[in-house]
Amino acid sequence: MYEPKYKLNQRDSKRWHDLLVRHCLEAPDAKPNKKYPPLTKAENVEFEKLCRKRSRKVCSHPKVKASIRRSYRQTRKLELMAAKLQRLIRKMKLKNNVDQKR
């Protein structure tokens, strides 16, 4: 059976979606529904397995990889800027303390 490189095959995709609907209906504010009973332990394990498989496939897509790299670079740049700001604030506090003592 043909399986696109970056997507789950049709059978896994349908099963994942069915389990996802039931998982979402387990939320505390959701009303109980007879048509969609809560997940059993075995189904929960299967759902987590399918989620990991889906996540792995999505993350292997070139555009998603580029997005993750861009996000990492932006986060790193923000962390460096925050550290620089903290150093400048510390420096200003020290200078103010020295000026006040004079």
PDB file of N, CA and C in Angstrom:
ATOM      1  N   MET A   1       0.835  -1.177   0.000  1.00  0.00           N
ATOM      2  CA  MET A   1       0.000   0.000   0.000  1.00  0.00           C
ATOM      3  C   MET A   1       0.879   1.239   0.000  1.00  0.00           C
ATOM      4  N   TYR A   2       0.539   2.229  -0.822  1.00  0.00           N
ATOM      5  CA  TYR A   2       1.312   3.461  -0.930  1.00  0.00           C
ATOM      6  C   TYR A   2       1.043   4.340   0.285  1.00  0.00           C
ATOM      7  N   GLU A   3       2.115   4.825   0.869  1.00  0.00           N
ATOM      8  CA  GLU A   3       1.983   5.718   2.019  1.00  0.00           C
ATOM      9  C   GLU A   3       2.789   6.980   1.737  1.00  0.00           C
ATOM     10  N   PRO A   4       2.124   8.152   1.670  1.00  0.00           N
ATOM     11  CA  PRO A   4       2.884   9.382   1.458  1.00  0.00           C
ATOM     12  C   PRO A   4       3.942   9.541   2.544  1.00  0.00           C
ATOM     13  N   LYS A   5       5.062  10.121   2.178  1.00  0.00           N
ATOM     14  CA  LYS A   5       6.199  10.190   3.082  1.00  0.00           C
ATOM     15  C   LYS A   5       5.905  10.961   4.370  1.00  0.00           C
ATOM     16  N   TYR A   6       5.107  12.025   4.268  1.00  0.00           N
ATOM     17  CA  TYR A   6       4.933  12.908   5.415  1.00  0.00           C
ATOM     18  C   TYR A   6       3.563  12.798   6.066  1.00  0.00           C
ATOM     19  N   LYS A   7       2.794  11.780   5.713  1.00  0.00           N
ATOM     20  CA  LYS A   7       1.457  11.602   6.294  1.00  0.00           C
ATOM     21  C   LYS A   7       1.294  10.166   6.771  1.00  0.00           C
ATOM     22  N   LEU A   8       0.363   9.977   7.691  1.00  0.00           N
ATOM     23  CA  LEU A   8       0.010   8.617   8.092  1.00  0.00           C
ATOM     24  C   LEU A   8      -0.738   7.955   6.943  1.00  0.00           C
ATOM     25  N   ASN A   9      -0.669   6.616   6.868  1.00  0.00           N
ATOM     26  CA  ASN A   9      -1.464   5.957   5.839  1.00  0.00           C
ATOM     27  C   ASN A   9      -2.944   6.111   6.194  1.00  0.00           C
ATOM     28  N   GLN A  10      -3.814   5.784   5.263  1.00  0.00           N
ATOM     29  CA  GLN A  10      -5.239   6.067   5.445  1.00  0.00           C
ATOM     30  C   GLN A  10      -5.824   5.347   6.656  1.00  0.00           C
ATOM     31  N   ARG A  11      -5.452   4.106   6.848  1.00  0.00           N
ATOM     32  CA  ARG A  11      -6.005   3.336   7.963  1.00  0.00           C
ATOM     33  C   ARG A  11      -5.567   3.945   9.300  1.00  0.00           C
ATOM     34  N   ASP A  12      -4.248   4.241   9.431  1.00  0.00           N
ATOM     35  CA  ASP A  12      -3.745   4.856  10.666  1.00  0.00           C
ATOM     36  C   ASP A  12      -4.341   6.243  10.870  1.00  0.00           C
ATOM     37  N   SER A  13      -4.479   6.984   9.778  1.00  0.00           N
ATOM     38  CA  SER A  13      -5.020   8.329   9.875  1.00  0.00           C
ATOM     39  C   SER A  13      -6.465   8.307  10.370  1.00  0.00           C
ATOM     40  N   LYS A  14      -7.257   7.404   9.841  1.00  0.00           N
ATOM     41  CA  LYS A  14      -8.656   7.296  10.268  1.00  0.00           C
ATOM     42  C   LYS A  14      -8.731   6.872  11.736  1.00  0.00           C
ATOM     43  N   ARG A  15      -7.917   5.885  12.122  1.00  0.00           N
ATOM     44  CA  ARG A  15      -7.926   5.400  13.500  1.00  0.00           C
ATOM     45  C   ARG A  15      -7.473   6.507  14.457  1.00  0.00           C
ATOM     46  N   TRP A  16      -6.435   7.258  14.074  1.00  0.00           N
ATOM     47  CA  TRP A  16      -5.945   8.353  14.900  1.00  0.00           C
ATOM     48  C   TRP A  16      -7.036   9.401  15.089  1.00  0.00           C
ATOM     49  N   HIS A  17      -7.735   9.740  14.012  1.00  0.00           N
ATOM     50  CA  HIS A  17      -8.790  10.746  14.095  1.00  0.00           C
ATOM     51  C   HIS A  17      -9.934  10.269  14.995  1.00  0.00           C
ATOM     52  N   ASP A  18     -10.327   9.014  14.856  1.00  0.00           N
ATOM     53  CA  ASP A  18     -11.394   8.468  15.711  1.00  0.00           C
ATOM     54  C   ASP A  18     -10.998   8.517  17.193  1.00  0.00           C
ATOM     55  N   LEU A  19      -9.764   8.112  17.474  1.00  0.00           N
ATOM     56  CA  LEU A  19      -9.288   8.139  18.859  1.00  0.00           C
ATOM     57  C   LEU A  19      -9.156   9.575  19.373  1.00  0.00           C
ATOM     58  N   LEU A  20      -8.758  10.483  18.479  1.00  0.00           N
ATOM     59  CA  LEU A  20      -8.617  11.891  18.858  1.00  0.00           C
ATOM     60  C   LEU A  20      -9.963  12.480  19.267  1.00  0.00           C
ATOM     61  N   VAL A  21     -11.013  12.159  18.518  1.00  0.00           N
ATOM     62  CA  VAL A  21     -12.345  12.664  18.852  1.00  0.00           C
ATOM     63  C   VAL A  21     -12.747  12.180  20.238  1.00  0.00           C
ATOM     64  N   ARG A  22     -12.553  10.909  20.491  1.00  0.00           N
ATOM     65  CA  ARG A  22     -12.919  10.354  21.802  1.00  0.00           C
ATOM     66  C   ARG A  22     -12.050  10.931  22.914  1.00  0.00           C
ATOM     67  N   HIS A  23     -10.777  11.152  22.610  1.00  0.00           N
ATOM     68  CA  HIS A  23      -9.865  11.742  23.593  1.00  0.00           C
ATOM     69  C   HIS A  23     -10.306  13.169  23.945  1.00  0.00           C
ATOM     70  N   CYS A  24     -10.696  13.940  22.939  1.00  0.00           N
ATOM     71  CA  CYS A  24     -11.131  15.320  23.173  1.00  0.00           C
ATOM     72  C   CYS A  24     -12.424  15.369  23.992  1.00  0.00           C
ATOM     73  N   LEU A  25     -13.263  14.368  23.813  1.00  0.00           N
ATOM     74  CA  LEU A  25     -14.521  14.352  24.566  1.00  0.00           C
ATOM     75  C   LEU A  25     -14.328  13.916  26.019  1.00  0.00           C
ATOM     76  N   GLU A  26     -13.117  13.540  26.392  1.00  0.00           N
ATOM     77  CA  GLU A  26     -12.823  13.191  27.781  1.00  0.00           C
ATOM     78  C   GLU A  26     -12.484  14.416  28.620  1.00  0.00           C
ATOM     79  N   ALA A  27     -12.466  15.586  28.001  1.00  0.00           N
ATOM     80  CA  ALA A  27     -12.136  16.815  28.718  1.00  0.00           C
ATOM     81  C   ALA A  27     -13.131  17.021  29.861  1.00  0.00           C
ATOM     82  N   PRO A  28     -12.686  17.670  30.941  1.00  0.00           N
ATOM     83  CA  PRO A  28     -13.566  17.838  32.107  1.00  0.00           C
ATOM     84  C   PRO A  28     -14.853  18.613  31.806  1.00  0.00           C
ATOM     85  N   ASP A  29     -14.780  19.583  30.893  1.00  0.00           N
ATOM     86  CA  ASP A  29     -15.967  20.393  30.621  1.00  0.00           C
ATOM     87  C   ASP A  29     -16.866  19.796  29.536  1.00  0.00           C
ATOM     88  N   ALA A  30     -16.469  18.674  28.935  1.00  0.00           N
ATOM     89  CA  ALA A  30     -17.278  18.043  27.891  1.00  0.00           C
ATOM     90  C   ALA A  30     -18.374  17.185  28.517  1.00  0.00           C
ATOM     91  N   LYS A  31     -19.518  17.152  27.850  1.00  0.00           N
ATOM     92  CA  LYS A  31     -20.627  16.339  28.335  1.00  0.00           C
ATOM     93  C   LYS A  31     -20.400  14.886  27.940  1.00  0.00           C
ATOM     94  N   PRO A  32     -20.773  13.938  28.778  1.00  0.00           N
ATOM     95  CA  PRO A  32     -20.644  12.523  28.402  1.00  0.00           C
ATOM     96  C   PRO A  32     -21.488  12.221  27.163  1.00  0.00           C
ATOM     97  N   ASN A  33     -20.947  11.387  26.295  1.00  0.00           N
ATOM     98  CA  ASN A  33     -21.621  11.078  25.044  1.00  0.00           C
ATOM     99  C   ASN A  33     -21.640   9.564  24.865  1.00  0.00           C
ATOM    100  N   LYS A  34     -22.821   8.988  24.661  1.00  0.00           N
ATOM    101  CA  LYS A  34     -22.933   7.537  24.509  1.00  0.00           C
ATOM    102  C   LYS A  34     -22.293   7.053  23.219  1.00  0.00           C
ATOM    103  N   LYS A  35     -22.343   7.891  22.193  1.00  0.00           N
ATOM    104  CA  LYS A  35     -21.788   7.495  20.895  1.00  0.00           C
ATOM    105  C   LYS A  35     -20.261   7.376  20.954  1.00  0.00           C
ATOM    106  N   TYR A  36     -19.628   8.206  21.783  1.00  0.00           N
ATOM    107  CA  TYR A  36     -18.171   8.209  21.906  1.00  0.00           C
ATOM    108  C   TYR A  36     -17.772   7.900  23.345  1.00  0.00           C
ATOM    109  N   PRO A  37     -17.629   6.620  23.698  1.00  0.00           N
ATOM    110  CA  PRO A  37     -17.236   6.282  25.077  1.00  0.00           C
ATOM    111  C   PRO A  37     -15.784   6.684  25.340  1.00  0.00           C
ATOM    112  N   PRO A  38     -15.400   6.819  26.593  1.00  0.00           N
ATOM    113  CA  PRO A  38     -14.008   7.178  26.910  1.00  0.00           C
ATOM    114  C   PRO A  38     -13.035   6.095  26.437  1.00  0.00           C
ATOM    115  N   LEU A  39     -11.790   6.511  26.239  1.00  0.00           N
ATOM    116  CA  LEU A  39     -10.757   5.569  25.777  1.00  0.00           C
ATOM    117  C   LEU A  39     -10.406   4.572  26.877  1.00  0.00           C
ATOM    118  N   THR A  40     -10.185   3.329  26.467  1.00  0.00           N
ATOM    119  CA  THR A  40      -9.685   2.327  27.410  1.00  0.00           C
ATOM    120  C   THR A  40      -8.176   2.483  27.500  1.00  0.00           C
ATOM    121  N   LYS A  41      -7.542   1.756  28.417  1.00  0.00           N
ATOM    122  CA  LYS A  41      -6.078   1.853  28.552  1.00  0.00           C
ATOM    123  C   LYS A  41      -5.378   1.427  27.270  1.00  0.00           C
ATOM    124  N   ALA A  42      -5.851   0.336  26.669  1.00  0.00           N
ATOM    125  CA  ALA A  42      -5.234  -0.158  25.436  1.00  0.00           C
ATOM    126  C   ALA A  42      -5.393   0.865  24.308  1.00  0.00           C
ATOM    127  N   GLU A  43      -6.558   1.467  24.224  1.00  0.00           N
ATOM    128  CA  GLU A  43      -6.778   2.476  23.184  1.00  0.00           C
ATOM    129  C   GLU A  43      -5.948   3.723  23.449  1.00  0.00           C
ATOM    130  N   ASN A  44      -5.779   4.053  24.698  1.00  0.00           N
ATOM    131  CA  ASN A  44      -4.956   5.208  25.037  1.00  0.00           C
ATOM    132  C   ASN A  44      -3.504   4.982  24.623  1.00  0.00           C
ATOM    133  N   VAL A  45      -3.005   3.771  24.858  1.00  0.00           N
ATOM    134  CA  VAL A  45      -1.643   3.423  24.445  1.00  0.00           C
ATOM    135  C   VAL A  45      -1.523   3.489  22.922  1.00  0.00           C
ATOM    136  N   GLU A  46      -2.523   2.946  22.238  1.00  0.00           N
ATOM    137  CA  GLU A  46      -2.535   2.975  20.770  1.00  0.00           C
ATOM    138  C   GLU A  46      -2.571   4.418  20.272  1.00  0.00           C
ATOM    139  N   PHE A  47      -3.375   5.260  20.912  1.00  0.00           N
ATOM    140  CA  PHE A  47      -3.483   6.667  20.520  1.00  0.00           C
ATOM    141  C   PHE A  47      -2.144   7.382  20.689  1.00  0.00           C
ATOM    142  N   GLU A  48      -1.483   7.143  21.812  1.00  0.00           N
ATOM    143  CA  GLU A  48      -0.174   7.772  22.039  1.00  0.00           C
ATOM    144  C   GLU A  48       0.847   7.302  21.013  1.00  0.00           C
ATOM    145  N   LYS A  49       0.788   6.025  20.662  1.00  0.00           N
ATOM    146  CA  LYS A  49       1.703   5.474  19.663  1.00  0.00           C
ATOM    147  C   LYS A  49       1.462   6.128  18.308  1.00  0.00           C
ATOM    148  N   LEU A  50       0.190   6.272  17.929  1.00  0.00           N
ATOM    149  CA  LEU A  50      -0.139   6.910  16.656  1.00  0.00           C
ATOM    150  C   LEU A  50       0.236   8.395  16.666  1.00  0.00           C
ATOM    151  N   CYS A  51       0.085   9.048  17.811  1.00  0.00           N
ATOM    152  CA  CYS A  51       0.480  10.459  17.925  1.00  0.00           C
ATOM    153  C   CYS A  51       1.989  10.622  17.724  1.00  0.00           C
ATOM    154  N   ARG A  52       2.762   9.730  18.338  1.00  0.00           N
ATOM    155  CA  ARG A  52       4.218   9.795  18.166  1.00  0.00           C
ATOM    156  C   ARG A  52       4.599   9.562  16.708  1.00  0.00           C
ATOM    157  N   LYS A  53       3.952   8.579  16.075  1.00  0.00           N
ATOM    158  CA  LYS A  53       4.235   8.273  14.669  1.00  0.00           C
ATOM    159  C   LYS A  53       3.875   9.474  13.794  1.00  0.00           C
ATOM    160  N   ARG A  54       2.721  10.077  14.046  1.00  0.00           N
ATOM    161  CA  ARG A  54       2.278  11.225  13.262  1.00  0.00           C
ATOM    162  C   ARG A  54       3.224  12.406  13.472  1.00  0.00           C
ATOM    163  N   SER A  55       3.598  12.635  14.711  1.00  0.00           N
ATOM    164  CA  SER A  55       4.502  13.740  15.024  1.00  0.00           C
ATOM    165  C   SER A  55       5.853  13.556  14.340  1.00  0.00           C
ATOM    166  N   ARG A  56       6.368  12.330  14.377  1.00  0.00           N
ATOM    167  CA  ARG A  56       7.651  12.027  13.738  1.00  0.00           C
ATOM    168  C   ARG A  56       7.579  12.287  12.234  1.00  0.00           C
ATOM    169  N   LYS A  57       6.475  11.897  11.610  1.00  0.00           N
ATOM    170  CA  LYS A  57       6.317  12.104  10.179  1.00  0.00           C
ATOM    171  C   LYS A  57       6.178  13.579   9.839  1.00  0.00           C
ATOM    172  N   VAL A  58       5.406  14.304  10.643  1.00  0.00           N
ATOM    173  CA  VAL A  58       5.225  15.731  10.383  1.00  0.00           C
ATOM    174  C   VAL A  58       6.555  16.459  10.542  1.00  0.00           C
ATOM    175  N   CYS A  59       7.310  16.106  11.576  1.00  0.00           N
ATOM    176  CA  CYS A  59       8.590  16.780  11.822  1.00  0.00           C
ATOM    177  C   CYS A  59       9.630  16.473  10.756  1.00  0.00           C
ATOM    178  N   SER A  60       9.414  15.436   9.967  1.00  0.00           N
ATOM    179  CA  SER A  60      10.386  15.106   8.925  1.00  0.00           C
ATOM    180  C   SER A  60      10.127  15.879   7.631  1.00  0.00           C
ATOM    181  N   HIS A  61       9.053  16.656   7.582  1.00  0.00           N
ATOM    182  CA  HIS A  61       8.746  17.442   6.389  1.00  0.00           C
ATOM    183  C   HIS A  61       9.728  18.613   6.291  1.00  0.00           C
ATOM    184  N   PRO A  62      10.270  18.893   5.090  1.00  0.00           N
ATOM    185  CA  PRO A  62      11.272  19.953   4.955  1.00  0.00           C
ATOM    186  C   PRO A  62      10.801  21.330   5.431  1.00  0.00           C
ATOM    187  N   LYS A  63       9.556  21.684   5.165  1.00  0.00           N
ATOM    188  CA  LYS A  63       9.079  23.004   5.597  1.00  0.00           C
ATOM    189  C   LYS A  63       8.959  23.080   7.114  1.00  0.00           C
ATOM    190  N   VAL A  64       8.570  21.991   7.740  1.00  0.00           N
ATOM    191  CA  VAL A  64       8.478  21.969   9.196  1.00  0.00           C
ATOM    192  C   VAL A  64       9.875  22.033   9.798  1.00  0.00           C
ATOM    193  N   LYS A  65      10.820  21.314   9.197  1.00  0.00           N
ATOM    194  CA  LYS A  65      12.207  21.375   9.672  1.00  0.00           C
ATOM    195  C   LYS A  65      12.737  22.808   9.605  1.00  0.00           C
ATOM    196  N   ALA A  66      12.466  23.485   8.477  1.00  0.00           N
ATOM    197  CA  ALA A  66      12.917  24.873   8.329  1.00  0.00           C
ATOM    198  C   ALA A  66      12.271  25.763   9.386  1.00  0.00           C
ATOM    199  N   SER A  67      11.005  25.541   9.655  1.00  0.00           N
ATOM    200  CA  SER A  67      10.291  26.323  10.663  1.00  0.00           C
ATOM    201  C   SER A  67      10.892  26.094  12.047  1.00  0.00           C
ATOM    202  N   ILE A  68      11.229  24.848  12.357  1.00  0.00           N
ATOM    203  CA  ILE A  68      11.830  24.529  13.661  1.00  0.00           C
ATOM    204  C   ILE A  68      13.198  25.194  13.792  1.00  0.00           C
ATOM    205  N   ARG A  69      13.996  25.149  12.715  1.00  0.00           N
ATOM    206  CA  ARG A  69      15.307  25.803  12.746  1.00  0.00           C
ATOM    207  C   ARG A  69      15.161  27.310  12.950  1.00  0.00           C
ATOM    208  N   ARG A  70      14.210  27.923  12.216  1.00  0.00           N
ATOM    209  CA  ARG A  70      13.982  29.362  12.333  1.00  0.00           C
ATOM    210  C   ARG A  70      13.532  29.715  13.750  1.00  0.00           C
ATOM    211  N   SER A  71      12.662  28.913  14.297  1.00  0.00           N
ATOM    212  CA  SER A  71      12.179  29.139  15.657  1.00  0.00           C
ATOM    213  C   SER A  71      13.320  29.026  16.659  1.00  0.00           C
ATOM    214  N   TYR A  72      14.186  28.031  16.473  1.00  0.00           N
ATOM    215  CA  TYR A  72      15.324  27.852  17.373  1.00  0.00           C
ATOM    216  C   TYR A  72      16.238  29.074  17.317  1.00  0.00           C
ATOM    217  N   ARG A  73      16.510  29.565  16.095  1.00  0.00           N
ATOM    218  CA  ARG A  73      17.386  30.732  15.945  1.00  0.00           C
ATOM    219  C   ARG A  73      16.770  31.961  16.616  1.00  0.00           C
ATOM    220  N   GLN A  74      15.460  32.156  16.429  1.00  0.00           N
ATOM    221  CA  GLN A  74      14.792  33.307  17.031  1.00  0.00           C
ATOM    222  C   GLN A  74      14.821  33.205  18.556  1.00  0.00           C
ATOM    223  N   THR A  75      14.588  32.027  19.071  1.00  0.00           N
ATOM    224  CA  THR A  75      14.622  31.829  20.518  1.00  0.00           C
ATOM    225  C   THR A  75      16.019  32.105  21.058  1.00  0.00           C
ATOM    226  N   ARG A  76      17.012  31.604  20.363  1.00  0.00           N
ATOM    227  CA  ARG A  76      18.403  31.815  20.781  1.00  0.00           C
ATOM    228  C   ARG A  76      18.742  33.305  20.770  1.00  0.00           C
ATOM    229  N   LYS A  77      18.312  34.007  19.727  1.00  0.00           N
ATOM    230  CA  LYS A  77      18.583  35.436  19.627  1.00  0.00           C
ATOM    231  C   LYS A  77      17.909  36.184  20.788  1.00  0.00           C
ATOM    232  N   LEU A  78      16.665  35.813  21.107  1.00  0.00           N
ATOM    233  CA  LEU A  78      15.960  36.453  22.221  1.00  0.00           C
ATOM    234  C   LEU A  78      16.644  36.169  23.553  1.00  0.00           C
ATOM    235  N   GLU A  79      17.129  34.947  23.733  1.00  0.00           N
ATOM    236  CA  GLU A  79      17.828  34.610  24.973  1.00  0.00           C
ATOM    237  C   GLU A  79      19.097  35.440  25.130  1.00  0.00           C
ATOM    238  N   LEU A  80      19.839  35.623  24.028  1.00  0.00           N
ATOM    239  CA  LEU A  80      21.056  36.433  24.080  1.00  0.00           C
ATOM    240  C   LEU A  80      20.735  37.892  24.377  1.00  0.00           C
ATOM    241  N   MET A  81      19.671  38.400  23.778  1.00  0.00           N
ATOM    242  CA  MET A  81      19.281  39.789  24.019  1.00  0.00           C
ATOM    243  C   MET A  81      18.822  39.974  25.477  1.00  0.00           C
ATOM    244  N   ALA A  82      18.105  39.005  26.011  1.00  0.00           N
ATOM    245  CA  ALA A  82      17.651  39.081  27.404  1.00  0.00           C
ATOM    246  C   ALA A  82      18.844  39.050  28.352  1.00  0.00           C
ATOM    247  N   ALA A  83      19.823  38.205  28.056  1.00  0.00           N
ATOM    248  CA  ALA A  83      21.020  38.139  28.898  1.00  0.00           C
ATOM    249  C   ALA A  83      21.782  39.464  28.855  1.00  0.00           C
ATOM    250  N   LYS A  84      21.866  40.065  27.669  1.00  0.00           N
ATOM    251  CA  LYS A  84      22.549  41.346  27.535  1.00  0.00           C
ATOM    252  C   LYS A  84      21.809  42.426  28.324  1.00  0.00           C
ATOM    253  N   LEU A  85      20.494  42.407  28.246  1.00  0.00           N
ATOM    254  CA  LEU A  85      19.689  43.365  28.996  1.00  0.00           C
ATOM    255  C   LEU A  85      19.892  43.195  30.497  1.00  0.00           C
ATOM    256  N   GLN A  86      19.945  41.962  30.962  1.00  0.00           N
ATOM    257  CA  GLN A  86      20.170  41.705  32.391  1.00  0.00           C
ATOM    258  C   GLN A  86      21.532  42.249  32.829  1.00  0.00           C
ATOM    259  N   ARG A  87      22.548  42.045  31.981  1.00  0.00           N
ATOM    260  CA  ARG A  87      23.878  42.575  32.310  1.00  0.00           C
ATOM    261  C   ARG A  87      23.854  44.098  32.393  1.00  0.00           C
ATOM    262  N   LEU A  88      23.156  44.745  31.447  1.00  0.00           N
ATOM    263  CA  LEU A  88      23.087  46.204  31.457  1.00  0.00           C
ATOM    264  C   LEU A  88      22.339  46.715  32.687  1.00  0.00           C
ATOM    265  N   ILE A  89      21.268  46.042  33.065  1.00  0.00           N
ATOM    266  CA  ILE A  89      20.512  46.432  34.257  1.00  0.00           C
ATOM    267  C   ILE A  89      21.377  46.290  35.498  1.00  0.00           C
ATOM    268  N   ARG A  90      22.103  45.177  35.589  1.00  0.00           N
ATOM    269  CA  ARG A  90      22.986  44.959  36.735  1.00  0.00           C
ATOM    270  C   ARG A  90      24.059  46.049  36.790  1.00  0.00           C
ATOM    271  N   LYS A  91      24.594  46.416  35.627  1.00  0.00           N
ATOM    272  CA  LYS A  91      25.625  47.439  35.550  1.00  0.00           C
ATOM    273  C   LYS A  91      25.074  48.799  36.002  1.00  0.00           C
ATOM    274  N   MET A  92      23.824  49.113  35.555  1.00  0.00           N
ATOM    275  CA  MET A  92      23.208  50.385  35.958  1.00  0.00           C
ATOM    276  C   MET A  92      22.947  50.428  37.455  1.00  0.00           C
ATOM    277  N   LYS A  93      22.519  49.310  38.031  1.00  0.00           N
ATOM    278  CA  LYS A  93      22.264  49.269  39.472  1.00  0.00           C
ATOM    279  C   LYS A  93      23.548  49.498  40.254  1.00  0.00           C
ATOM    280  N   LEU A  94      24.626  48.863  39.796  1.00  0.00           N
ATOM    281  CA  LEU A  94      25.912  49.063  40.467  1.00  0.00           C
ATOM    282  C   LEU A  94      26.354  50.513  40.377  1.00  0.00           C
ATOM    283  N   LYS A  95      26.169  51.123  39.214  1.00  0.00           N
ATOM    284  CA  LYS A  95      26.566  52.516  39.025  1.00  0.00           C
ATOM    285  C   LYS A  95      25.724  53.439  39.913  1.00  0.00           C
ATOM    286  N   ASN A  96      24.417  53.160  40.000  1.00  0.00           N
ATOM    287  CA  ASN A  96      23.537  53.971  40.851  1.00  0.00           C
ATOM    288  C   ASN A  96      23.924  53.832  42.320  1.00  0.00           C
ATOM    289  N   ASN A  97      24.290  52.649  42.742  1.00  0.00           N
ATOM    290  CA  ASN A  97      24.698  52.429  44.139  1.00  0.00           C
ATOM    291  C   ASN A  97      25.974  53.199  44.448  1.00  0.00           C
ATOM    292  N   VAL A  98      26.917  53.211  43.502  1.00  0.00           N
ATOM    293  CA  VAL A  98      28.176  53.925  43.716  1.00  0.00           C
ATOM    294  C   VAL A  98      27.913  55.422  43.751  1.00  0.00           C
ATOM    295  N   ASP A  99      27.042  55.943  42.863  1.00  0.00           N
ATOM    296  CA  ASP A  99      26.717  57.372  42.843  1.00  0.00           C
ATOM    297  C   ASP A  99      26.009  57.806  44.124  1.00  0.00           C
ATOM    298  N   GLN A 100      25.146  56.960  44.658  1.00  0.00           N
ATOM    299  CA  GLN A 100      24.417  57.297  45.870  1.00  0.00           C
ATOM    300  C   GLN A 100      25.315  57.362  47.096  1.00  0.00           C
ATOM    301  N   LYS A 101      26.362  56.556  47.086  1.00  0.00           N
ATOM    302  CA  LYS A 101      27.299  56.532  48.240  1.00  0.00           C
ATOM    303  C   LYS A 101      28.160  57.783  48.273  1.00  0.00           C
ATOM    304  N   ARG A 102      28.362  58.435  47.147  1.00  0.00           N
ATOM    305  CA  ARG A 102      29.237  59.627  47.101  1.00  0.00           C
ATOM    306  C   ARG A 102      28.585  60.802  47.673  1.00  0.00           C
TER     307      ARG A 102
END
